[in-house]
ModelCIF file with pLDDT and N, C-alpha, C, O atoms, coordinates in Angstrom:
data_MODEL
#
_entry.id   MODEL 
#
_entity.id                         1 
_entity.type                       polymer 
_entity.pdbx_number_of_molecules   1 
#
_entity_poly.entity_id                      1 
_entity_poly.type                           'polypeptide(L)' 
_entity_poly.nstd_linkage                   no 
_entity_poly.nstd_monomer                   no 
_entity_poly.pdbx_seq_one_letter_code       LAAVAVGPVVAECVRLVDGIAARREIIVDVHDAGSTTVVAD 
_entity_poly.pdbx_seq_one_letter_code_can   LAAVAVGPVVAECVRLVDGIAARREIIVDVHDAGSTTVVAD 
_entity_poly.pdbx_strand_id                 A 
#
loop_
_entity_poly_seq.entity_id 
_entity_poly_seq.num 
_entity_poly_seq.mon_id 
_entity_poly_seq.hetero 
1 1  LEU n 
1 2  ALA n 
1 3  ALA n 
1 4  VAL n 
1 5  ALA n 
1 6  VAL n 
1 7  GLY n 
1 8  PRO n 
1 9  VAL n 
1 10 VAL n 
1 11 ALA n 
1 12 GLU n 
1 13 CYS n 
1 14 VAL n 
1 15 ARG n 
1 16 LEU n 
1 17 VAL n 
1 18 ASP n 
1 19 GLY n 
1 20 ILE n 
1 21 ALA n 
1 22 ALA n 
1 23 ARG n 
1 24 ARG n 
1 25 GLU n 
1 26 ILE n 
1 27 ILE n 
1 28 VAL n 
1 29 ASP n 
1 30 VAL n 
1 31 HIS n 
1 32 ASP n 
1 33 ALA n 
1 34 GLY n 
1 35 SER n 
1 36 THR n 
1 37 THR n 
1 38 VAL n 
1 39 VAL n 
1 40 ALA n 
1 41 ASP n 
#
_struct_asym.id          A 
_struct_asym.entity_id   1 
#
loop_
_ma_qa_metric.id 
_ma_qa_metric.mode 
_ma_qa_metric.name 
_ma_qa_metric.software_group_id 
_ma_qa_metric.type 
1 global pLDDT . pLDDT 
2 local  pLDDT . pLDDT 
#
_ma_qa_metric_global.metric_id      1 
_ma_qa_metric_global.metric_value   86.78 
_ma_qa_metric_global.model_id       1 
_ma_qa_metric_global.ordinal_id     1 
#
loop_
_ma_qa_metric_local.label_asym_id 
_ma_qa_metric_local.label_comp_id 
_ma_qa_metric_local.label_seq_id 
_ma_qa_metric_local.metric_id 
_ma_qa_metric_local.metric_value 
_ma_qa_metric_local.model_id 
_ma_qa_metric_local.ordinal_id 
A LEU 1  2 89.00 1 1  
A ALA 2  2 91.00 1 2  
A ALA 3  2 92.00 1 3  
A VAL 4  2 91.00 1 4  
A ALA 5  2 91.00 1 5  
A VAL 6  2 90.00 1 6  
A GLY 7  2 89.00 1 7  
A PRO 8  2 89.00 1 8  
A VAL 9  2 90.00 1 9  
A VAL 10 2 90.00 1 10 
A ALA 11 2 89.00 1 11 
A GLU 12 2 87.00 1 12 
A CYS 13 2 87.00 1 13 
A VAL 14 2 89.00 1 14 
A ARG 15 2 87.00 1 15 
A LEU 16 2 85.00 1 16 
A VAL 17 2 86.00 1 17 
A ASP 18 2 85.00 1 18 
A GLY 19 2 84.00 1 19 
A ILE 20 2 85.00 1 20 
A ALA 21 2 88.00 1 21 
A ALA 22 2 88.00 1 22 
A ARG 23 2 87.00 1 23 
A ARG 24 2 88.00 1 24 
A GLU 25 2 90.00 1 25 
A ILE 26 2 90.00 1 26 
A ILE 27 2 90.00 1 27 
A VAL 28 2 89.00 1 28 
A ASP 29 2 88.00 1 29 
A VAL 30 2 87.00 1 30 
A HIS 31 2 82.00 1 31 
A ASP 32 2 70.00 1 32 
A ALA 33 2 67.00 1 33 
A GLY 34 2 69.00 1 34 
A SER 35 2 80.00 1 35 
A THR 36 2 86.00 1 36 
A THR 37 2 90.00 1 37 
A VAL 38 2 92.00 1 38 
A VAL 39 2 92.00 1 39 
A ALA 40 2 91.00 1 40 
A ASP 41 2 88.00 1 41 
#
loop_
_atom_site.group_PDB 
_atom_site.id 
_atom_site.type_symbol 
_atom_site.label_atom_id 
_atom_site.label_alt_id 
_atom_site.label_comp_id 
_atom_site.label_asym_id 
_atom_site.label_entity_id 
_atom_site.label_seq_id 
_atom_site.pdbx_PDB_ins_code 
_atom_site.Cartn_x 
_atom_site.Cartn_y 
_atom_site.Cartn_z 
_atom_site.occupancy 
_atom_site.B_iso_or_equiv 
_atom_site.pdbx_formal_charge 
_atom_site.auth_seq_id 
_atom_site.auth_comp_id 
_atom_site.auth_asym_id 
_atom_site.auth_atom_id 
_atom_site.pdbx_PDB_model_num 
ATOM 1   N N  . LEU A 1 1  ? 1.933  -14.477 -12.906 1.00 89.00 ? 1  LEU A N  1 
ATOM 2   C CA . LEU A 1 1  ? 0.776  -14.491 -12.009 1.00 89.00 ? 1  LEU A CA 1 
ATOM 3   C C  . LEU A 1 1  ? 0.987  -15.484 -10.876 1.00 89.00 ? 1  LEU A C  1 
ATOM 4   O O  . LEU A 1 1  ? 1.358  -16.637 -11.094 1.00 89.00 ? 1  LEU A O  1 
ATOM 5   N N  . ALA A 1 2  ? 0.743  -15.009 -9.673  1.00 91.00 ? 2  ALA A N  1 
ATOM 6   C CA . ALA A 1 2  ? 0.903  -15.851 -8.477  1.00 91.00 ? 2  ALA A CA 1 
ATOM 7   C C  . ALA A 1 2  ? 0.058  -15.249 -7.365  1.00 91.00 ? 2  ALA A C  1 
ATOM 8   O O  . ALA A 1 2  ? -0.519 -14.173 -7.525  1.00 91.00 ? 2  ALA A O  1 
ATOM 9   N N  . ALA A 1 3  ? -0.012 -15.947 -6.239  1.00 92.00 ? 3  ALA A N  1 
ATOM 10  C CA . ALA A 1 3  ? -0.725 -15.416 -5.081  1.00 92.00 ? 3  ALA A CA 1 
ATOM 11  C C  . ALA A 1 3  ? 0.119  -14.308 -4.449  1.00 92.00 ? 3  ALA A C  1 
ATOM 12  O O  . ALA A 1 3  ? 1.264  -14.538 -4.059  1.00 92.00 ? 3  ALA A O  1 
ATOM 13  N N  . VAL A 1 4  ? -0.451 -13.113 -4.352  1.00 91.00 ? 4  VAL A N  1 
ATOM 14  C CA . VAL A 1 4  ? 0.276  -11.946 -3.833  1.00 91.00 ? 4  VAL A CA 1 
ATOM 15  C C  . VAL A 1 4  ? -0.489 -11.382 -2.638  1.00 91.00 ? 4  VAL A C  1 
ATOM 16  O O  . VAL A 1 4  ? -1.689 -11.122 -2.726  1.00 91.00 ? 4  VAL A O  1 
ATOM 17  N N  . ALA A 1 5  ? 0.213  -11.195 -1.525  1.00 91.00 ? 5  ALA A N  1 
ATOM 18  C CA . ALA A 1 5  ? -0.394 -10.574 -0.346  1.00 91.00 ? 5  ALA A CA 1 
ATOM 19  C C  . ALA A 1 5  ? -0.562 -9.081  -0.605  1.00 91.00 ? 5  ALA A C  1 
ATOM 20  O O  . ALA A 1 5  ? 0.403  -8.394  -0.942  1.00 91.00 ? 5  ALA A O  1 
ATOM 21  N N  . VAL A 1 6  ? -1.778 -8.580  -0.450  1.00 90.00 ? 6  VAL A N  1 
ATOM 22  C CA . VAL A 1 6  ? -2.071 -7.193  -0.800  1.00 90.00 ? 6  VAL A CA 1 
ATOM 23  C C  . VAL A 1 6  ? -1.460 -6.215  0.200   1.00 90.00 ? 6  VAL A C  1 
ATOM 24  O O  . VAL A 1 6  ? -0.935 -5.176  -0.199  1.00 90.00 ? 6  VAL A O  1 
ATOM 25  N N  . GLY A 1 7  ? -1.522 -6.532  1.493   1.00 89.00 ? 7  GLY A N  1 
ATOM 26  C CA . GLY A 1 7  ? -1.073 -5.610  2.534   1.00 89.00 ? 7  GLY A CA 1 
ATOM 27  C C  . GLY A 1 7  ? 0.340  -5.079  2.332   1.00 89.00 ? 7  GLY A C  1 
ATOM 28  O O  . GLY A 1 7  ? 0.531  -3.863  2.314   1.00 89.00 ? 7  GLY A O  1 
ATOM 29  N N  . PRO A 1 8  ? 1.346  -5.956  2.178   1.00 89.00 ? 8  PRO A N  1 
ATOM 30  C CA . PRO A 1 8  ? 2.716  -5.473  2.001   1.00 89.00 ? 8  PRO A CA 1 
ATOM 31  C C  . PRO A 1 8  ? 2.896  -4.604  0.754   1.00 89.00 ? 8  PRO A C  1 
ATOM 32  O O  . PRO A 1 8  ? 3.670  -3.648  0.777   1.00 89.00 ? 8  PRO A O  1 
ATOM 33  N N  . VAL A 1 9  ? 2.191  -4.928  -0.329  1.00 90.00 ? 9  VAL A N  1 
ATOM 34  C CA . VAL A 1 9  ? 2.315  -4.126  -1.559  1.00 90.00 ? 9  VAL A CA 1 
ATOM 35  C C  . VAL A 1 9  ? 1.743  -2.732  -1.333  1.00 90.00 ? 9  VAL A C  1 
ATOM 36  O O  . VAL A 1 9  ? 2.342  -1.738  -1.745  1.00 90.00 ? 9  VAL A O  1 
ATOM 37  N N  . VAL A 1 10 ? 0.584  -2.657  -0.680  1.00 90.00 ? 10 VAL A N  1 
ATOM 38  C CA . VAL A 1 10 ? -0.014 -1.354  -0.380  1.00 90.00 ? 10 VAL A CA 1 
ATOM 39  C C  . VAL A 1 10 ? 0.911  -0.543  0.525   1.00 90.00 ? 10 VAL A C  1 
ATOM 40  O O  . VAL A 1 10 ? 1.125  0.645   0.285   1.00 90.00 ? 10 VAL A O  1 
ATOM 41  N N  . ALA A 1 11 ? 1.460  -1.177  1.561   1.00 89.00 ? 11 ALA A N  1 
ATOM 42  C CA . ALA A 1 11 ? 2.342  -0.470  2.495   1.00 89.00 ? 11 ALA A CA 1 
ATOM 43  C C  . ALA A 1 11 ? 3.576  0.074   1.776   1.00 89.00 ? 11 ALA A C  1 
ATOM 44  O O  . ALA A 1 11 ? 4.005  1.197   2.042   1.00 89.00 ? 11 ALA A O  1 
ATOM 45  N N  . GLU A 1 12 ? 4.145  -0.713  0.871   1.00 87.00 ? 12 GLU A N  1 
ATOM 46  C CA . GLU A 1 12 ? 5.317  -0.262  0.120   1.00 87.00 ? 12 GLU A CA 1 
ATOM 47  C C  . GLU A 1 12 ? 4.976  0.937   -0.754  1.00 87.00 ? 12 GLU A C  1 
ATOM 48  O O  . GLU A 1 12 ? 5.744  1.898   -0.806  1.00 87.00 ? 12 GLU A O  1 
ATOM 49  N N  . CYS A 1 13 ? 3.837  0.896   -1.442  1.00 87.00 ? 13 CYS A N  1 
ATOM 50  C CA . CYS A 1 13 ? 3.439  2.005   -2.316  1.00 87.00 ? 13 CYS A CA 1 
ATOM 51  C C  . CYS A 1 13 ? 3.173  3.276   -1.509  1.00 87.00 ? 13 CYS A C  1 
ATOM 52  O O  . CYS A 1 13 ? 3.497  4.377   -1.953  1.00 87.00 ? 13 CYS A O  1 
ATOM 53  N N  . VAL A 1 14 ? 2.584  3.120   -0.327  1.00 89.00 ? 14 VAL A N  1 
ATOM 54  C CA . VAL A 1 14 ? 2.332  4.284   0.533   1.00 89.00 ? 14 VAL A CA 1 
ATOM 55  C C  . VAL A 1 14 ? 3.646  4.919   0.953   1.00 89.00 ? 14 VAL A C  1 
ATOM 56  O O  . VAL A 1 14 ? 3.763  6.144   0.962   1.00 89.00 ? 14 VAL A O  1 
ATOM 57  N N  . ARG A 1 15 ? 4.635  4.107   1.300   1.00 87.00 ? 15 ARG A N  1 
ATOM 58  C CA . ARG A 1 15 ? 5.954  4.648   1.673   1.00 87.00 ? 15 ARG A CA 1 
ATOM 59  C C  . ARG A 1 15 ? 6.565  5.451   0.525   1.00 87.00 ? 15 ARG A C  1 
ATOM 60  O O  . ARG A 1 15 ? 7.229  6.464   0.750   1.00 87.00 ? 15 ARG A O  1 
ATOM 61  N N  . LEU A 1 16 ? 6.336  4.992   -0.706  1.00 85.00 ? 16 LEU A N  1 
ATOM 62  C CA . LEU A 1 16 ? 6.936  5.660   -1.860  1.00 85.00 ? 16 LEU A CA 1 
ATOM 63  C C  . LEU A 1 16 ? 6.284  7.018   -2.154  1.00 85.00 ? 16 LEU A C  1 
ATOM 64  O O  . LEU A 1 16 ? 6.908  7.873   -2.783  1.00 85.00 ? 16 LEU A O  1 
ATOM 65  N N  . VAL A 1 17 ? 5.044  7.226   -1.710  1.00 86.00 ? 17 VAL A N  1 
ATOM 66  C CA . VAL A 1 17 ? 4.399  8.523   -1.938  1.00 86.00 ? 17 VAL A CA 1 
ATOM 67  C C  . VAL A 1 17 ? 4.393  9.386   -0.682  1.00 86.00 ? 17 VAL A C  1 
ATOM 68  O O  . VAL A 1 17 ? 3.855  10.493  -0.690  1.00 86.00 ? 17 VAL A O  1 
ATOM 69  N N  . ASP A 1 18 ? 4.991  8.883   0.398   1.00 85.00 ? 18 ASP A N  1 
ATOM 70  C CA . ASP A 1 18 ? 5.001  9.632   1.651   1.00 85.00 ? 18 ASP A CA 1 
ATOM 71  C C  . ASP A 1 18 ? 5.625  11.015  1.490   1.00 85.00 ? 18 ASP A C  1 
ATOM 72  O O  . ASP A 1 18 ? 5.142  11.992  2.063   1.00 85.00 ? 18 ASP A O  1 
ATOM 73  N N  . GLY A 1 19 ? 6.720  11.093  0.692   1.00 84.00 ? 19 GLY A N  1 
ATOM 74  C CA . GLY A 1 19 ? 7.427  12.362  0.546   1.00 84.00 ? 19 GLY A CA 1 
ATOM 75  C C  . GLY A 1 19 ? 6.562  13.444  -0.046  1.00 84.00 ? 19 GLY A C  1 
ATOM 76  O O  . GLY A 1 19 ? 6.444  14.526  0.529   1.00 84.00 ? 19 GLY A O  1 
ATOM 77  N N  . ILE A 1 20 ? 5.945  13.170  -1.205  1.00 85.00 ? 20 ILE A N  1 
ATOM 78  C CA . ILE A 1 20 ? 5.102  14.165  -1.857  1.00 85.00 ? 20 ILE A CA 1 
ATOM 79  C C  . ILE A 1 20 ? 3.841  14.435  -1.040  1.00 85.00 ? 20 ILE A C  1 
ATOM 80  O O  . ILE A 1 20 ? 3.327  15.554  -1.040  1.00 85.00 ? 20 ILE A O  1 
ATOM 81  N N  . ALA A 1 21 ? 3.337  13.405  -0.341  1.00 88.00 ? 21 ALA A N  1 
ATOM 82  C CA . ALA A 1 21 ? 2.150  13.597  0.503   1.00 88.00 ? 21 ALA A CA 1 
ATOM 83  C C  . ALA A 1 21 ? 2.473  14.545  1.654   1.00 88.00 ? 21 ALA A C  1 
ATOM 84  O O  . ALA A 1 21 ? 1.669  15.418  1.983   1.00 88.00 ? 21 ALA A O  1 
ATOM 85  N N  . ALA A 1 22 ? 3.646  14.379  2.268   1.00 88.00 ? 22 ALA A N  1 
ATOM 86  C CA . ALA A 1 22 ? 4.041  15.247  3.384   1.00 88.00 ? 22 ALA A CA 1 
ATOM 87  C C  . ALA A 1 22 ? 4.207  16.692  2.921   1.00 88.00 ? 22 ALA A C  1 
ATOM 88  O O  . ALA A 1 22 ? 3.815  17.621  3.627   1.00 88.00 ? 22 ALA A O  1 
ATOM 89  N N  . ARG A 1 23 ? 4.791  16.886  1.730   1.00 87.00 ? 23 ARG A N  1 
ATOM 90  C CA . ARG A 1 23 ? 4.990  18.246  1.225   1.00 87.00 ? 23 ARG A CA 1 
ATOM 91  C C  . ARG A 1 23 ? 3.658  18.947  0.976   1.00 87.00 ? 23 ARG A C  1 
ATOM 92  O O  . ARG A 1 23 ? 3.573  20.171  1.072   1.00 87.00 ? 23 ARG A O  1 
ATOM 93  N N  . ARG A 1 24 ? 2.622  18.179  0.658   1.00 88.00 ? 24 ARG A N  1 
ATOM 94  C CA . ARG A 1 24 ? 1.308  18.778  0.389   1.00 88.00 ? 24 ARG A CA 1 
ATOM 95  C C  . ARG A 1 24 ? 0.364  18.619  1.598   1.00 88.00 ? 24 ARG A C  1 
ATOM 96  O O  . ARG A 1 24 ? -0.833 18.897  1.514   1.00 88.00 ? 24 ARG A O  1 
ATOM 97  N N  . GLU A 1 25 ? 0.946  18.161  2.728   1.00 90.00 ? 25 GLU A N  1 
ATOM 98  C CA . GLU A 1 25 ? 0.192  18.024  3.984   1.00 90.00 ? 25 GLU A CA 1 
ATOM 99  C C  . GLU A 1 25 ? -1.028 17.121  3.816   1.00 90.00 ? 25 GLU A C  1 
ATOM 100 O O  . GLU A 1 25 ? -2.103 17.392  4.351   1.00 90.00 ? 25 GLU A O  1 
ATOM 101 N N  . ILE A 1 26 ? -0.836 16.054  3.066   1.00 90.00 ? 26 ILE A N  1 
ATOM 102 C CA . ILE A 1 26 ? -1.920 15.098  2.812   1.00 90.00 ? 26 ILE A CA 1 
ATOM 103 C C  . ILE A 1 26 ? -1.717 13.858  3.671   1.00 90.00 ? 26 ILE A C  1 
ATOM 104 O O  . ILE A 1 26 ? -0.624 13.294  3.716   1.00 90.00 ? 26 ILE A O  1 
ATOM 105 N N  . ILE A 1 27 ? -2.769 13.444  4.344   1.00 90.00 ? 27 ILE A N  1 
ATOM 106 C CA . ILE A 1 27 ? -2.721 12.242  5.182   1.00 90.00 ? 27 ILE A CA 1 
ATOM 107 C C  . ILE A 1 27 ? -3.137 11.036  4.341   1.00 90.00 ? 27 ILE A C  1 
ATOM 108 O O  . ILE A 1 27 ? -4.188 11.054  3.700   1.00 90.00 ? 27 ILE A O  1 
ATOM 109 N N  . VAL A 1 28 ? -2.316 9.993   4.347   1.00 89.00 ? 28 VAL A N  1 
ATOM 110 C CA . VAL A 1 28 ? -2.639 8.756   3.631   1.00 89.00 ? 28 VAL A CA 1 
ATOM 111 C C  . VAL A 1 28 ? -2.989 7.698   4.673   1.00 89.00 ? 28 VAL A C  1 
ATOM 112 O O  . VAL A 1 28 ? -2.136 7.291   5.462   1.00 89.00 ? 28 VAL A O  1 
ATOM 113 N N  . ASP A 1 29 ? -4.230 7.260   4.674   1.00 88.00 ? 29 ASP A N  1 
ATOM 114 C CA . ASP A 1 29 ? -4.723 6.302   5.659   1.00 88.00 ? 29 ASP A CA 1 
ATOM 115 C C  . ASP A 1 29 ? -4.971 4.959   4.976   1.00 88.00 ? 29 ASP A C  1 
ATOM 116 O O  . ASP A 1 29 ? -5.582 4.901   3.909   1.00 88.00 ? 29 ASP A O  1 
ATOM 117 N N  . VAL A 1 30 ? -4.495 3.884   5.597   1.00 87.00 ? 30 VAL A N  1 
ATOM 118 C CA . VAL A 1 30 ? -4.674 2.543   5.043   1.00 87.00 ? 30 VAL A CA 1 
ATOM 119 C C  . VAL A 1 30 ? -5.494 1.710   6.013   1.00 87.00 ? 30 VAL A C  1 
ATOM 120 O O  . VAL A 1 30 ? -5.098 1.512   7.161   1.00 87.00 ? 30 VAL A O  1 
ATOM 121 N N  . HIS A 1 31 ? -6.635 1.223   5.549   1.00 82.00 ? 31 HIS A N  1 
ATOM 122 C CA . HIS A 1 31 ? -7.410 0.295   6.369   1.00 82.00 ? 31 HIS A CA 1 
ATOM 123 C C  . HIS A 1 31 ? -6.713 -1.059  6.324   1.00 82.00 ? 31 HIS A C  1 
ATOM 124 O O  . HIS A 1 31 ? -6.233 -1.471  5.268   1.00 82.00 ? 31 HIS A O  1 
ATOM 125 N N  . ASP A 1 32 ? -6.654 -1.734  7.421   1.00 70.00 ? 32 ASP A N  1 
ATOM 126 C CA . ASP A 1 32 ? -5.924 -3.001  7.516   1.00 70.00 ? 32 ASP A CA 1 
ATOM 127 C C  . ASP A 1 32 ? -6.376 -3.990  6.449   1.00 70.00 ? 32 ASP A C  1 
ATOM 128 O O  . ASP A 1 32 ? -7.540 -4.387  6.391   1.00 70.00 ? 32 ASP A O  1 
ATOM 129 N N  . ALA A 1 33 ? -5.416 -4.377  5.603   1.00 67.00 ? 33 ALA A N  1 
ATOM 130 C CA . ALA A 1 33 ? -5.739 -5.335  4.543   1.00 67.00 ? 33 ALA A CA 1 
ATOM 131 C C  . ALA A 1 33 ? -5.733 -6.771  5.046   1.00 67.00 ? 33 ALA A C  1 
ATOM 132 O O  . ALA A 1 33 ? -6.120 -7.686  4.318   1.00 67.00 ? 33 ALA A O  1 
ATOM 133 N N  . GLY A 1 34 ? -5.299 -6.973  6.276   1.00 69.00 ? 34 GLY A N  1 
ATOM 134 C CA . GLY A 1 34 ? -5.267 -8.319  6.840   1.00 69.00 ? 34 GLY A CA 1 
ATOM 135 C C  . GLY A 1 34 ? -4.385 -9.243  6.031   1.00 69.00 ? 34 GLY A C  1 
ATOM 136 O O  . GLY A 1 34 ? -3.307 -8.853  5.583   1.00 69.00 ? 34 GLY A O  1 
ATOM 137 N N  . SER A 1 35 ? -4.845 -10.470 5.845   1.00 80.00 ? 35 SER A N  1 
ATOM 138 C CA . SER A 1 35 ? -4.059 -11.463 5.098   1.00 80.00 ? 35 SER A CA 1 
ATOM 139 C C  . SER A 1 35 ? -4.634 -11.678 3.700   1.00 80.00 ? 35 SER A C  1 
ATOM 140 O O  . SER A 1 35 ? -4.466 -12.751 3.119   1.00 80.00 ? 35 SER A O  1 
ATOM 141 N N  . THR A 1 36 ? -5.303 -10.674 3.163   1.00 86.00 ? 36 THR A N  1 
ATOM 142 C CA . THR A 1 36 ? -5.932 -10.788 1.839   1.00 86.00 ? 36 THR A CA 1 
ATOM 143 C C  . THR A 1 36 ? -4.879 -11.031 0.762   1.00 86.00 ? 36 THR A C  1 
ATOM 144 O O  . THR A 1 36 ? -3.845 -10.364 0.737   1.00 86.00 ? 36 THR A O  1 
ATOM 145 N N  . THR A 1 37 ? -5.148 -11.987 -0.126  1.00 90.00 ? 37 THR A N  1 
ATOM 146 C CA . THR A 1 37 ? -4.234 -12.261 -1.240  1.00 90.00 ? 37 THR A CA 1 
ATOM 147 C C  . THR A 1 37 ? -5.023 -12.250 -2.545  1.00 90.00 ? 37 THR A C  1 
ATOM 148 O O  . THR A 1 37 ? -6.216 -12.553 -2.578  1.00 90.00 ? 37 THR A O  1 
ATOM 149 N N  . VAL A 1 38 ? -4.327 -11.895 -3.610  1.00 92.00 ? 38 VAL A N  1 
ATOM 150 C CA . VAL A 1 38 ? -4.948 -11.873 -4.939  1.00 92.00 ? 38 VAL A CA 1 
ATOM 151 C C  . VAL A 1 38 ? -4.039 -12.595 -5.924  1.00 92.00 ? 38 VAL A C  1 
ATOM 152 O O  . VAL A 1 38 ? -2.854 -12.804 -5.667  1.00 92.00 ? 38 VAL A O  1 
ATOM 153 N N  . VAL A 1 39 ? -4.623 -12.971 -7.058  1.00 92.00 ? 39 VAL A N  1 
ATOM 154 C CA . VAL A 1 39 ? -3.828 -13.531 -8.154  1.00 92.00 ? 39 VAL A CA 1 
ATOM 155 C C  . VAL A 1 39 ? -3.365 -12.359 -9.015  1.00 92.00 ? 39 VAL A C  1 
ATOM 156 O O  . VAL A 1 39 ? -4.180 -11.688 -9.648  1.00 92.00 ? 39 VAL A O  1 
ATOM 157 N N  . ALA A 1 40 ? -2.061 -12.117 -9.036  1.00 91.00 ? 40 ALA A N  1 
ATOM 158 C CA . ALA A 1 40 ? -1.541 -10.957 -9.755  1.00 91.00 ? 40 ALA A CA 1 
ATOM 159 C C  . ALA A 1 40 ? -0.054 -11.127 -10.010 1.00 91.00 ? 40 ALA A C  1 
ATOM 160 O O  . ALA A 1 40 ? 0.590  -12.028 -9.472  1.00 91.00 ? 40 ALA A O  1 
ATOM 161 N N  . ASP A 1 41 ? 0.474  -10.242 -10.841 1.00 88.00 ? 41 ASP A N  1 
ATOM 162 C CA . ASP A 1 41 ? 1.918  -10.115 -11.027 1.00 88.00 ? 41 ASP A CA 1 
ATOM 163 C C  . ASP A 1 41 ? 2.388  -9.066  -10.025 1.00 88.00 ? 41 ASP A C  1 
ATOM 164 O O  . ASP A 1 41 ? 3.579  -8.759  -9.966  1.00 88.00 ? 41 ASP A O  1 
#
């Protein structure tokens, strides 16, 4: 457990599902997470 910036983690996960989203013509929209951090692994 440590301070984790949410924005980069969300962006990475979105990139990983981009392929299947594109094949199904699904738009993935991310609202700016700013500098939000959480306590997490």
